[in-house]
Each structure stands twice: as C-alpha cells, then as structure tokens.
PDB file of N, CA and C in Angstrom:
ATOM      1  N   MET A   1      98.244  97.833  97.166  1.00  0.00           N
ATOM      2  CA  MET A   1      98.560  98.711  98.261  1.00  0.00           C
ATOM      3  C   MET A   1      98.905 100.073  97.690  1.00  0.00           C
ATOM      4  N   VAL A   2      98.329 101.109  98.232  1.00  0.00           N
ATOM      5  CA  VAL A   2      98.625 102.462  97.812  1.00  0.00           C
ATOM      6  C   VAL A   2      99.702 103.026  98.738  1.00  0.00           C
ATOM      7  N   ALA A   3     100.638 103.737  98.174  1.00  0.00           N
ATOM      8  CA  ALA A   3     101.741 104.296  98.951  1.00  0.00           C
ATOM      9  C   ALA A   3     101.244 105.264 100.005  1.00  0.00           C
ATOM     10  N   GLN A   4     101.945 105.276 101.103  1.00  0.00           N
ATOM     11  CA  GLN A   4     101.661 106.274 102.129  1.00  0.00           C
ATOM     12  C   GLN A   4     102.771 107.303 102.100  1.00  0.00           C
ATOM     13  N   THR A   5     102.468 108.522 102.464  1.00  0.00           N
ATOM     14  CA  THR A   5     103.439 109.606 102.333  1.00  0.00           C
ATOM     15  C   THR A   5     104.449 109.645 103.467  1.00  0.00           C
ATOM     16  N   VAL A   6     104.274 108.815 104.479  1.00  0.00           N
ATOM     17  CA  VAL A   6     105.201 108.793 105.606  1.00  0.00           C
ATOM     18  C   VAL A   6     106.209 107.680 105.389  1.00  0.00           C
ATOM     19  N   PRO A   7     107.506 108.018 105.233  1.00  0.00           N
ATOM     20  CA  PRO A   7     108.502 106.957 105.027  1.00  0.00           C
ATOM     21  C   PRO A   7     108.726 106.175 106.313  1.00  0.00           C
ATOM     22  N   HIS A   8     108.943 104.884 106.173  1.00  0.00           N
ATOM     23  CA  HIS A   8     109.230 104.034 107.329  1.00  0.00           C
ATOM     24  C   HIS A   8     110.513 103.289 107.046  1.00  0.00           C
ATOM     25  N   LEU A   9     111.598 103.730 107.667  1.00  0.00           N
ATOM     26  CA  LEU A   9     112.847 103.009 107.566  1.00  0.00           C
ATOM     27  C   LEU A   9     112.727 101.813 108.494  1.00  0.00           C
ATOM     28  N   ILE A  10     113.004 100.644 108.002  1.00  0.00           N
ATOM     29  CA  ILE A  10     112.762  99.437 108.783  1.00  0.00           C
ATOM     30  C   ILE A  10     113.465  99.494 110.131  1.00  0.00           C
ATOM     31  N   LYS A  11     114.735  99.787 110.153  1.00  0.00           N
ATOM     32  CA  LYS A  11     115.451  99.825 111.430  1.00  0.00           C
ATOM     33  C   LYS A  11     114.904 100.926 112.324  1.00  0.00           C
ATOM     34  N   ALA A  12     114.622 102.092 111.756  1.00  0.00           N
ATOM     35  CA  ALA A  12     114.054 103.191 112.555  1.00  0.00           C
ATOM     36  C   ALA A  12     112.708 102.767 113.108  1.00  0.00           C
ATOM     37  N   SER A  13     111.942 102.047 112.312  1.00  0.00           N
ATOM     38  CA  SER A  13     110.638 101.588 112.778  1.00  0.00           C
ATOM     39  C   SER A  13     110.791 100.664 113.968  1.00  0.00           C
ATOM     40  N   PHE A  14     111.776  99.771 113.919  1.00  0.00           N
ATOM     41  CA  PHE A  14     111.985  98.842 115.019  1.00  0.00           C
ATOM     42  C   PHE A  14     112.244  99.589 116.312  1.00  0.00           C
ATOM     43  N   GLU A  15     113.129 100.591 116.250  1.00  0.00           N
ATOM     44  CA  GLU A  15     113.539 101.285 117.465  1.00  0.00           C
ATOM     45  C   GLU A  15     112.599 102.403 117.848  1.00  0.00           C
ATOM     46  N   GLU A  16     112.327 103.326 116.918  1.00  0.00           N
ATOM     47  CA  GLU A  16     111.585 104.532 117.250  1.00  0.00           C
ATOM     48  C   GLU A  16     110.084 104.281 117.363  1.00  0.00           C
ATOM     49  N   LEU A  17     109.539 103.531 116.440  1.00  0.00           N
ATOM     50  CA  LEU A  17     108.096 103.303 116.443  1.00  0.00           C
ATOM     51  C   LEU A  17     107.721 102.006 117.144  1.00  0.00           C
ATOM     52  N   ALA A  18     108.714 101.209 117.444  1.00  0.00           N
ATOM     53  CA  ALA A  18     108.531  99.932 118.139  1.00  0.00           C
ATOM     54  C   ALA A  18     107.608  98.981 117.389  1.00  0.00           C
ATOM     55  N   ASP A  19     107.537  99.100 116.056  1.00  0.00           N
ATOM     56  CA  ASP A  19     106.658  98.230 115.277  1.00  0.00           C
ATOM     57  C   ASP A  19     107.072  96.770 115.373  1.00  0.00           C
ATOM     58  N   PHE A  20     108.384  96.534 115.382  1.00  0.00           N
ATOM     59  CA  PHE A  20     108.843  95.160 115.509  1.00  0.00           C
ATOM     60  C   PHE A  20     108.477  94.630 116.877  1.00  0.00           C
ATOM     61  N   LYS A  21     108.620  95.480 117.890  1.00  0.00           N
ATOM     62  CA  LYS A  21     108.252  95.095 119.248  1.00  0.00           C
ATOM     63  C   LYS A  21     106.750  94.846 119.333  1.00  0.00           C
ATOM     64  N   VAL A  22     105.969  95.638 118.608  1.00  0.00           N
ATOM     65  CA  VAL A  22     104.514  95.435 118.564  1.00  0.00           C
ATOM     66  C   VAL A  22     104.213  94.058 117.977  1.00  0.00           C
ATOM     67  N   ALA A  23     104.904  93.712 116.896  1.00  0.00           N
ATOM     68  CA  ALA A  23     104.682  92.413 116.261  1.00  0.00           C
ATOM     69  C   ALA A  23     104.994  91.277 117.219  1.00  0.00           C
ATOM     70  N   PHE A  24     106.116  91.369 117.936  1.00  0.00           N
ATOM     71  CA  PHE A  24     106.466  90.325 118.893  1.00  0.00           C
ATOM     72  C   PHE A  24     105.501  90.309 120.068  1.00  0.00           C
ATOM     73  N   ALA A  25     105.049  91.476 120.496  1.00  0.00           N
ATOM     74  CA  ALA A  25     104.109  91.555 121.617  1.00  0.00           C
ATOM     75  C   ALA A  25     102.801  90.846 121.288  1.00  0.00           C
ATOM     76  N   GLU A  26     102.448  90.791 119.999  1.00  0.00           N
ATOM     77  CA  GLU A  26     101.244  90.066 119.580  1.00  0.00           C
ATOM     78  C   GLU A  26     101.309  88.603 120.018  1.00  0.00           C
ATOM     79  N   PHE A  27     102.525  88.107 120.214  1.00  0.00           N
ATOM     80  CA  PHE A  27     102.723  86.704 120.575  1.00  0.00           C
ATOM     81  C   PHE A  27     103.317  86.557 121.968  1.00  0.00           C
ATOM     82  N   GLY A  28     103.161  87.624 122.771  1.00  0.00           N
ATOM     83  CA  GLY A  28     103.596  87.558 124.163  1.00  0.00           C
ATOM     84  C   GLY A  28     105.095  87.572 124.354  1.00  0.00           C
ATOM     85  N   ARG A  29     105.821  88.163 123.425  1.00  0.00           N
ATOM     86  CA  ARG A  29     107.276  88.217 123.515  1.00  0.00           C
ATOM     87  C   ARG A  29     107.762  89.653 123.544  1.00  0.00           C
ATOM     88  N   SER A  30     108.906  89.849 124.158  1.00  0.00           N
ATOM     89  CA  SER A  30     109.552  91.148 124.210  1.00  0.00           C
ATOM     90  C   SER A  30     110.950  90.987 123.636  1.00  0.00           C
ATOM     91  N   ILE A  31     111.365  91.937 122.814  1.00  0.00           N
ATOM     92  CA  ILE A  31     112.636  91.801 122.107  1.00  0.00           C
ATOM     93  C   ILE A  31     113.564  92.960 122.446  1.00  0.00           C
ATOM     94  N   GLU A  32     114.866  92.669 122.488  1.00  0.00           N
ATOM     95  CA  GLU A  32     115.863  93.740 122.644  1.00  0.00           C
ATOM     96  C   GLU A  32     116.941  93.523 121.595  1.00  0.00           C
ATOM     97  N   TRP A  33     117.568  94.641 121.157  1.00  0.00           N
ATOM     98  CA  TRP A  33     118.575  94.583 120.105  1.00  0.00           C
ATOM     99  C   TRP A  33     119.965  94.520 120.709  1.00  0.00           C
ATOM    100  N   ARG A  34     120.808  93.664 120.111  1.00  0.00           N
ATOM    101  CA  ARG A  34     122.206  93.529 120.540  1.00  0.00           C
ATOM    102  C   ARG A  34     123.095  93.572 119.307  1.00  0.00           C
ATOM    103  N   GLY A  35     124.261  94.221 119.439  1.00  0.00           N
ATOM    104  CA  GLY A  35     125.194  94.305 118.327  1.00  0.00           C
ATOM    105  C   GLY A  35     124.923  95.510 117.451  1.00  0.00           C
ATOM    106  N   ASN A  36     125.652  95.571 116.343  1.00  0.00           N
ATOM    107  CA  ASN A  36     125.536  96.690 115.411  1.00  0.00           C
ATOM    108  C   ASN A  36     125.587  96.215 113.971  1.00  0.00           C
ATOM    109  N   GLY A  37     124.995  97.001 113.099  1.00  0.00           N
ATOM    110  CA  GLY A  37     125.063  96.727 111.662  1.00  0.00           C
ATOM    111  C   GLY A  37     124.536  95.347 111.316  1.00  0.00           C
ATOM    112  N   VAL A  38     125.218  94.667 110.389  1.00  0.00           N
ATOM    113  CA  VAL A  38     124.753  93.353 109.948  1.00  0.00           C
ATOM    114  C   VAL A  38     124.914  92.284 111.020  1.00  0.00           C
ATOM    115  N   ASP A  39     125.650  92.594 112.081  1.00  0.00           N
ATOM    116  CA  ASP A  39     125.818  91.640 113.181  1.00  0.00           C
ATOM    117  C   ASP A  39     124.776  91.837 114.278  1.00  0.00           C
ATOM    118  N   GLU A  40     123.865  92.780 114.084  1.00  0.00           N
ATOM    119  CA  GLU A  40     122.856  93.041 115.093  1.00  0.00           C
ATOM    120  C   GLU A  40     121.826  91.912 115.119  1.00  0.00           C
ATOM    121  N   THR A  41     121.393  91.553 116.317  1.00  0.00           N
ATOM    122  CA  THR A  41     120.392  90.507 116.478  1.00  0.00           C
ATOM    123  C   THR A  41     119.287  90.992 117.399  1.00  0.00           C
ATOM    124  N   GLY A  42     118.116  90.392 117.236  1.00  0.00           N
ATOM    125  CA  GLY A  42     116.997  90.636 118.132  1.00  0.00           C
ATOM    126  C   GLY A  42     116.885  89.446 119.069  1.00  0.00           C
ATOM    127  N   VAL A  43     116.915  89.717 120.377  1.00  0.00           N
ATOM    128  CA  VAL A  43     116.935  88.649 121.381  1.00  0.00           C
ATOM    129  C   VAL A  43     115.661  88.702 122.217  1.00  0.00           C
ATOM    130  N   ASP A  44     115.026  87.542 122.377  1.00  0.00           N
ATOM    131  CA  ASP A  44     113.855  87.426 123.240  1.00  0.00           C
ATOM    132  C   ASP A  44     114.320  87.685 124.670  1.00  0.00           C
ATOM    133  N   LYS A  45     113.737  88.699 125.317  1.00  0.00           N
ATOM    134  CA  LYS A  45     114.183  89.083 126.662  1.00  0.00           C
ATOM    135  C   LYS A  45     113.986  87.978 127.681  1.00  0.00           C
ATOM    136  N   LYS A  46     112.914  87.214 127.550  1.00  0.00           N
ATOM    137  CA  LYS A  46     112.614  86.177 128.537  1.00  0.00           C
ATOM    138  C   LYS A  46     113.552  84.965 128.411  1.00  0.00           C
ATOM    139  N   SER A  47     113.701  84.463 127.189  1.00  0.00           N
ATOM    140  CA  SER A  47     114.477  83.237 126.995  1.00  0.00           C
ATOM    141  C   SER A  47     115.953  83.490 126.697  1.00  0.00           C
ATOM    142  N   GLY A  48     116.278  84.714 126.237  1.00  0.00           N
ATOM    143  CA  GLY A  48     117.649  84.996 125.830  1.00  0.00           C
ATOM    144  C   GLY A  48     117.985  84.429 124.460  1.00  0.00           C
ATOM    145  N   LYS A  49     116.998  83.845 123.793  1.00  0.00           N
ATOM    146  CA  LYS A  49     117.192  83.222 122.489  1.00  0.00           C
ATOM    147  C   LYS A  49     117.159  84.277 121.377  1.00  0.00           C
ATOM    148  N   THR A  50     118.083  84.162 120.428  1.00  0.00           N
ATOM    149  CA  THR A  50     118.091  85.047 119.269  1.00  0.00           C
ATOM    150  C   THR A  50     116.920  84.676 118.367  1.00  0.00           C
ATOM    151  N   VAL A  51     116.052  85.645 118.114  1.00  0.00           N
ATOM    152  CA  VAL A  51     114.865  85.397 117.299  1.00  0.00           C
ATOM    153  C   VAL A  51     114.865  86.199 116.003  1.00  0.00           C
ATOM    154  N   VAL A  52     115.782  87.161 115.879  1.00  0.00           N
ATOM    155  CA  VAL A  52     115.917  87.938 114.650  1.00  0.00           C
ATOM    156  C   VAL A  52     117.401  88.040 114.327  1.00  0.00           C
ATOM    157  N   ARG A  53     117.719  87.698 113.092  1.00  0.00           N
ATOM    158  CA  ARG A  53     119.111  87.772 112.641  1.00  0.00           C
ATOM    159  C   ARG A  53     119.086  88.283 111.201  1.00  0.00           C
ATOM    160  N   ILE A  54     120.040  89.111 110.842  1.00  0.00           N
ATOM    161  CA  ILE A  54     120.127  89.630 109.479  1.00  0.00           C
ATOM    162  C   ILE A  54     120.724  88.555 108.585  1.00  0.00           C
ATOM    163  N   ASP A  55     120.069  88.327 107.452  1.00  0.00           N
ATOM    164  CA  ASP A  55     120.567  87.358 106.487  1.00  0.00           C
ATOM    165  C   ASP A  55     120.915  88.115 105.207  1.00  0.00           C
ATOM    166  N   PRO A  56     122.201  88.226 104.889  1.00  0.00           N
ATOM    167  CA  PRO A  56     122.630  88.981 103.705  1.00  0.00           C
ATOM    168  C   PRO A  56     122.019  88.480 102.399  1.00  0.00           C
ATOM    169  N   ILE A  57     121.501  87.268 102.383  1.00  0.00           N
ATOM    170  CA  ILE A  57     120.882  86.754 101.159  1.00  0.00           C
ATOM    171  C   ILE A  57     119.713  87.638 100.709  1.00  0.00           C
ATOM    172  N   TYR A  58     119.125  88.373 101.651  1.00  0.00           N
ATOM    173  CA  TYR A  58     117.980  89.221 101.325  1.00  0.00           C
ATOM    174  C   TYR A  58     118.383  90.656 100.981  1.00  0.00           C
ATOM    175  N   PHE A  59     119.672  90.972 100.984  1.00  0.00           N
ATOM    176  CA  PHE A  59     120.110  92.298 100.573  1.00  0.00           C
ATOM    177  C   PHE A  59     119.829  92.460  99.086  1.00  0.00           C
ATOM    178  N   ARG A  60     119.351  93.622  98.707  1.00  0.00           N
ATOM    179  CA  ARG A  60     119.072  93.896  97.299  1.00  0.00           C
ATOM    180  C   ARG A  60     120.140  94.853  96.767  1.00  0.00           C
ATOM    181  N   PRO A  61     120.860  94.458  95.733  1.00  0.00           N
ATOM    182  CA  PRO A  61     121.961  95.291  95.240  1.00  0.00           C
ATOM    183  C   PRO A  61     121.510  96.644  94.700  1.00  0.00           C
ATOM    184  N   THR A  62     120.286  96.758  94.283  1.00  0.00           N
ATOM    185  CA  THR A  62     119.813  98.024  93.723  1.00  0.00           C
ATOM    186  C   THR A  62     118.936  98.791  94.697  1.00  0.00           C
ATOM    187  N   GLU A  63     119.076  98.488  95.973  1.00  0.00           N
ATOM    188  CA  GLU A  63     118.271  99.152  96.998  1.00  0.00           C
ATOM    189  C   GLU A  63     118.523 100.655  96.997  1.00  0.00           C
ATOM    190  N   VAL A  64     117.456 101.413  97.148  1.00  0.00           N
ATOM    191  CA  VAL A  64     117.580 102.865  97.257  1.00  0.00           C
ATOM    192  C   VAL A  64     117.559 103.243  98.737  1.00  0.00           C
ATOM    193  N   ASP A  65     118.092 104.396  99.058  1.00  0.00           N
ATOM    194  CA  ASP A  65     118.175 104.819 100.450  1.00  0.00           C
ATOM    195  C   ASP A  65     116.819 105.176 101.047  1.00  0.00           C
ATOM    196  N   LEU A  66     115.935 105.759 100.244  1.00  0.00           N
ATOM    197  CA  LEU A  66     114.665 106.224 100.788  1.00  0.00           C
ATOM    198  C   LEU A  66     113.580 106.148  99.729  1.00  0.00           C
ATOM    199  N   LEU A  67     112.475 105.520 100.061  1.00  0.00           N
ATOM    200  CA  LEU A  67     111.316 105.477  99.179  1.00  0.00           C
ATOM    201  C   LEU A  67     110.162 106.175  99.870  1.00  0.00           C
ATOM    202  N   VAL A  68     109.581 107.145  99.205  1.00  0.00           N
ATOM    203  CA  VAL A  68     108.434 107.857  99.756  1.00  0.00           C
ATOM    204  C   VAL A  68     107.351 107.838  98.702  1.00  0.00           C
ATOM    205  N   GLY A  69     106.193 107.322  99.062  1.00  0.00           N
ATOM    206  CA  GLY A  69     105.080 107.282  98.137  1.00  0.00           C
ATOM    207  C   GLY A  69     104.263 108.556  98.210  1.00  0.00           C
ATOM    208  N   ASP A  70     103.427 108.755  97.200  1.00  0.00           N
ATOM    209  CA  ASP A  70     102.539 109.910  97.171  1.00  0.00           C
ATOM    210  C   ASP A  70     101.153 109.418  96.766  1.00  0.00           C
ATOM    211  N   ALA A  71     100.256 109.353  97.726  1.00  0.00           N
ATOM    212  CA  ALA A  71      98.909 108.849  97.474  1.00  0.00           C
ATOM    213  C   ALA A  71      97.929 109.970  97.143  1.00  0.00           C
ATOM    214  N   SER A  72      98.430 111.176  96.875  1.00  0.00           N
ATOM    215  CA  SER A  72      97.530 112.311  96.637  1.00  0.00           C
ATOM    216  C   SER A  72      96.645 112.104  95.408  1.00  0.00           C
ATOM    217  N   LYS A  73      97.159 111.468  94.364  1.00  0.00           N
ATOM    218  CA  LYS A  73      96.350 111.229  93.169  1.00  0.00           C
ATOM    219  C   LYS A  73      95.193 110.273  93.486  1.00  0.00           C
ATOM    220  N   ALA A  74      95.463 109.252  94.273  1.00  0.00           N
ATOM    221  CA  ALA A  74      94.405 108.310  94.663  1.00  0.00           C
ATOM    222  C   ALA A  74      93.355 109.026  95.512  1.00  0.00           C
ATOM    223  N   ARG A  75      93.787 109.930  96.368  1.00  0.00           N
ATOM    224  CA  ARG A  75      92.832 110.714  97.180  1.00  0.00           C
ATOM    225  C   ARG A  75      91.988 111.612  96.293  1.00  0.00           C
ATOM    226  N   GLN A  76      92.646 112.328  95.381  1.00  0.00           N
ATOM    227  CA  GLN A  76      91.954 113.281  94.519  1.00  0.00           C
ATOM    228  C   GLN A  76      91.011 112.602  93.530  1.00  0.00           C
ATOM    229  N   LYS A  77      91.495 111.590  92.830  1.00  0.00           N
ATOM    230  CA  LYS A  77      90.725 110.947  91.753  1.00  0.00           C
ATOM    231  C   LYS A  77      89.721 109.917  92.260  1.00  0.00           C
ATOM    232  N   LEU A  78      90.075 109.200  93.332  1.00  0.00           N
ATOM    233  CA  LEU A  78      89.242 108.094  93.801  1.00  0.00           C
ATOM    234  C   LEU A  78      88.583 108.353  95.147  1.00  0.00           C
ATOM    235  N   GLY A  79      89.004 109.407  95.815  1.00  0.00           N
ATOM    236  CA  GLY A  79      88.487 109.667  97.157  1.00  0.00           C
ATOM    237  C   GLY A  79      89.037 108.686  98.180  1.00  0.00           C
ATOM    238  N   TRP A  80      90.172 108.085  97.857  1.00  0.00           N
ATOM    239  CA  TRP A  80      90.773 107.072  98.720  1.00  0.00           C
ATOM    240  C   TRP A  80      91.371 107.705  99.957  1.00  0.00           C
ATOM    241  N   GLN A  81      91.211 107.054 101.069  1.00  0.00           N
ATOM    242  CA  GLN A  81      91.820 107.483 102.326  1.00  0.00           C
ATOM    243  C   GLN A  81      92.357 106.238 103.036  1.00  0.00           C
ATOM    244  N   ALA A  82      93.551 106.316 103.544  1.00  0.00           N
ATOM    245  CA  ALA A  82      94.144 105.168 104.251  1.00  0.00           C
ATOM    246  C   ALA A  82      93.306 104.818 105.472  1.00  0.00           C
ATOM    247  N   LYS A  83      93.036 103.532 105.647  1.00  0.00           N
ATOM    248  CA  LYS A  83      92.293 103.057 106.813  1.00  0.00           C
ATOM    249  C   LYS A  83      93.183 102.289 107.778  1.00  0.00           C
ATOM    250  N   THR A  84      94.313 101.832 107.281  1.00  0.00           N
ATOM    251  CA  THR A  84      95.216 101.020 108.092  1.00  0.00           C
ATOM    252  C   THR A  84      96.525 101.770 108.291  1.00  0.00           C
ATOM    253  N   GLY A  85      96.866 102.052 109.531  1.00  0.00           N
ATOM    254  CA  GLY A  85      98.130 102.712 109.845  1.00  0.00           C
ATOM    255  C   GLY A  85      99.280 101.722 109.799  1.00  0.00           C
ATOM    256  N   PHE A  86     100.484 102.244 109.888  1.00  0.00           N
ATOM    257  CA  PHE A  86     101.670 101.400 109.764  1.00  0.00           C
ATOM    258  C   PHE A  86     101.757 100.361 110.879  1.00  0.00           C
ATOM    259  N   LYS A  87     101.494 100.757 112.107  1.00  0.00           N
ATOM    260  CA  LYS A  87     101.561  99.799 113.217  1.00  0.00           C
ATOM    261  C   LYS A  87     100.539  98.682 113.045  1.00  0.00           C
ATOM    262  N   GLU A  88      99.338  99.032 112.617  1.00  0.00           N
ATOM    263  CA  GLU A  88      98.301  98.023 112.391  1.00  0.00           C
ATOM    264  C   GLU A  88      98.709  97.097 111.246  1.00  0.00           C
ATOM    265  N   LEU A  89      99.332  97.656 110.205  1.00  0.00           N
ATOM    266  CA  LEU A  89      99.801  96.843 109.092  1.00  0.00           C
ATOM    267  C   LEU A  89     100.843  95.838 109.562  1.00  0.00           C
ATOM    268  N   VAL A  90     101.776  96.281 110.400  1.00  0.00           N
ATOM    269  CA  VAL A  90     102.793  95.374 110.952  1.00  0.00           C
ATOM    270  C   VAL A  90     102.119  94.271 111.755  1.00  0.00           C
ATOM    271  N   ARG A  91     101.138  94.631 112.580  1.00  0.00           N
ATOM    272  CA  ARG A  91     100.423  93.636 113.386  1.00  0.00           C
ATOM    273  C   ARG A  91      99.719  92.619 112.495  1.00  0.00           C
ATOM    274  N   LEU A  92      99.039  93.092 111.451  1.00  0.00           N
ATOM    275  CA  LEU A  92      98.331  92.189 110.536  1.00  0.00           C
ATOM    276  C   LEU A  92      99.294  91.261 109.804  1.00  0.00           C
ATOM    277  N   MET A  93     100.435  91.798 109.394  1.00  0.00           N
ATOM    278  CA  MET A  93     101.423  90.968 108.704  1.00  0.00           C
ATOM    279  C   MET A  93     101.989  89.898 109.634  1.00  0.00           C
ATOM    280  N   ALA A  94     102.285  90.269 110.877  1.00  0.00           N
ATOM    281  CA  ALA A  94     102.810  89.296 111.840  1.00  0.00           C
ATOM    282  C   ALA A  94     101.772  88.213 112.123  1.00  0.00           C
ATOM    283  N   GLU A  95     100.531  88.625 112.279  1.00  0.00           N
ATOM    284  CA  GLU A  95      99.442  87.675 112.526  1.00  0.00           C
ATOM    285  C   GLU A  95      99.306  86.705 111.350  1.00  0.00           C
ATOM    286  N   SER A  96      99.374  87.214 110.140  1.00  0.00           N
ATOM    287  CA  SER A  96      99.273  86.377 108.946  1.00  0.00           C
ATOM    288  C   SER A  96     100.447  85.397 108.856  1.00  0.00           C
ATOM    289  N   ASP A  97     101.663  85.884 109.141  1.00  0.00           N
ATOM    290  CA  ASP A  97     102.837  85.006 109.105  1.00  0.00           C
ATOM    291  C   ASP A  97     102.721  83.880 110.130  1.00  0.00           C
ATOM    292  N   MET A  98     102.225  84.210 111.321  1.00  0.00           N
ATOM    293  CA  MET A  98     102.073  83.179 112.356  1.00  0.00           C
ATOM    294  C   MET A  98     101.016  82.155 111.953  1.00  0.00           C
ATOM    295  N   GLU A  99      99.939  82.592 111.351  1.00  0.00           N
ATOM    296  CA  GLU A  99      98.910  81.648 110.907  1.00  0.00           C
ATOM    297  C   GLU A  99      99.464  80.732 109.817  1.00  0.00           C
ATOM    298  N   LEU A 100     100.240  81.275 108.898  1.00  0.00           N
ATOM    299  CA  LEU A 100     100.873  80.467 107.860  1.00  0.00           C
ATOM    300  C   LEU A 100     101.817  79.440 108.487  1.00  0.00           C
ATOM    301  N   ALA A 101     102.604  79.862 109.472  1.00  0.00           N
ATOM    302  CA  ALA A 101     103.523  78.948 110.151  1.00  0.00           C
ATOM    303  C   ALA A 101     102.752  77.842 110.862  1.00  0.00           C
ATOM    304  N   ARG A 102     101.633  78.179 111.493  1.00  0.00           N
ATOM    305  CA  ARG A 102     100.805  77.154 112.169  1.00  0.00           C
ATOM    306  C   ARG A 102     100.284  76.128 111.166  1.00  0.00           C
ATOM    307  N   ARG A 103      99.803  76.610 110.011  1.00  0.00           N
ATOM    308  CA  ARG A 103      99.298  75.690 108.989  1.00  0.00           C
ATOM    309  C   ARG A 103     100.400  74.783 108.469  1.00  0.00           C
ATOM    310  N   GLU A 104     101.589  75.351 108.254  1.00  0.00           N
ATOM    311  CA  GLU A 104     102.718  74.542 107.780  1.00  0.00           C
ATOM    312  C   GLU A 104     103.100  73.484 108.808  1.00  0.00           C
ATOM    313  N   MET A 105     103.087  73.863 110.093  1.00  0.00           N
ATOM    314  CA  MET A 105     103.432  72.898 111.151  1.00  0.00           C
ATOM    315  C   MET A 105     102.391  71.779 111.218  1.00  0.00           C
ATOM    316  N   ARG A 106     101.109  72.120 111.069  1.00  0.00           N
ATOM    317  CA  ARG A 106     100.058  71.096 111.067  1.00  0.00           C
ATOM    318  C   ARG A 106     100.217  70.156 109.874  1.00  0.00           C
ATOM    319  N   ALA A 107     100.562  70.716 108.706  1.00  0.00           N
ATOM    320  CA  ALA A 107     100.742  69.905 107.518  1.00  0.00           C
ATOM    321  C   ALA A 107     101.910  68.938 107.689  1.00  0.00           C
ATOM    322  N   VAL A 108     103.010  69.422 108.238  1.00  0.00           N
ATOM    323  CA  VAL A 108     104.181  68.562 108.461  1.00  0.00           C
ATOM    324  C   VAL A 108     103.843  67.480 109.483  1.00  0.00           C
ATOM    325  N   ALA A 109     103.132  67.853 110.545  1.00  0.00           N
ATOM    326  CA  ALA A 109     102.760  66.885 111.584  1.00  0.00           C
ATOM    327  C   ALA A 109     101.834  65.807 111.027  1.00  0.00           C
ATOM    328  N   SER A 110     100.979  66.183 110.082  1.00  0.00           N
ATOM    329  CA  SER A 110     100.033  65.198 109.547  1.00  0.00           C
ATOM    330  C   SER A 110     100.716  64.204 108.630  1.00  0.00           C
ATOM    331  N   ILE A 111     101.866  64.553 108.084  1.00  0.00           N
ATOM    332  CA  ILE A 111     102.616  63.642 107.212  1.00  0.00           C
ATOM    333  C   ILE A 111     103.457  62.686 108.051  1.00  0.00           C
ATOM    334  N   SER A 112     103.905  63.146 109.198  1.00  0.00           N
ATOM    335  CA  SER A 112     104.822  62.355 110.028  1.00  0.00           C
ATOM    336  C   SER A 112     104.169  61.169 110.650  1.00  0.00           C
TER     337      SER A 112
END
C-alpha cells in the first residue's frame, strides 16, 4: 500500500467522513455513538445492541499523534496514481472481514 497524503484520524473518519457508518451500511446497519473517550460505544440504531467497543488491548504505547504519507515519489518515479479512495478502502475492508467471518462460521458449523 502506498501512503496517501490525506491524513485520516480514525475517530474523525467515523464522525466527519462517516466511513464507519459506510462500512455498517454495507450490511444494512446504522450506527450511532454513545459516551466519550475510551467508554464510547457504537450502537446499532435498530436493535440498540452495542456493536463497537474500544478494547485497550489494542492501544499501542508508541502511537504517534498524526501520520501523513507522501506518495509523490511513487507518482514521479513510477507514474503511480491512487485508484482507491479512503471510503472505498473502508468498504473493501469491511466486505473482506465479513467474508472471513462467514467462512469461519461455516467451518465451525461443519465441525459441530
């Protein structure tokens, strides 16, 4: 993956760009945020069920505040141009995760 020059803060993406909402919409769900900070949760609007929760186990102690890539060298030297935007990338990742989950569920069901 080549870096894109537009930074995407995960939380900002969820709210401002609605990328997380786009991912859930791929599966016919709508999400709303409740709470603040590490206690914030994403709740399915229809069922009221919490579907997103922060797990501190995934916090990285050496996390930096902002990462911005520069793909200008790839453009100049290779003629590379981004074909997939951030929203499309989120959609593709969500689709891939759901397919993996379906395969895992089929595998577990076949053993039972």
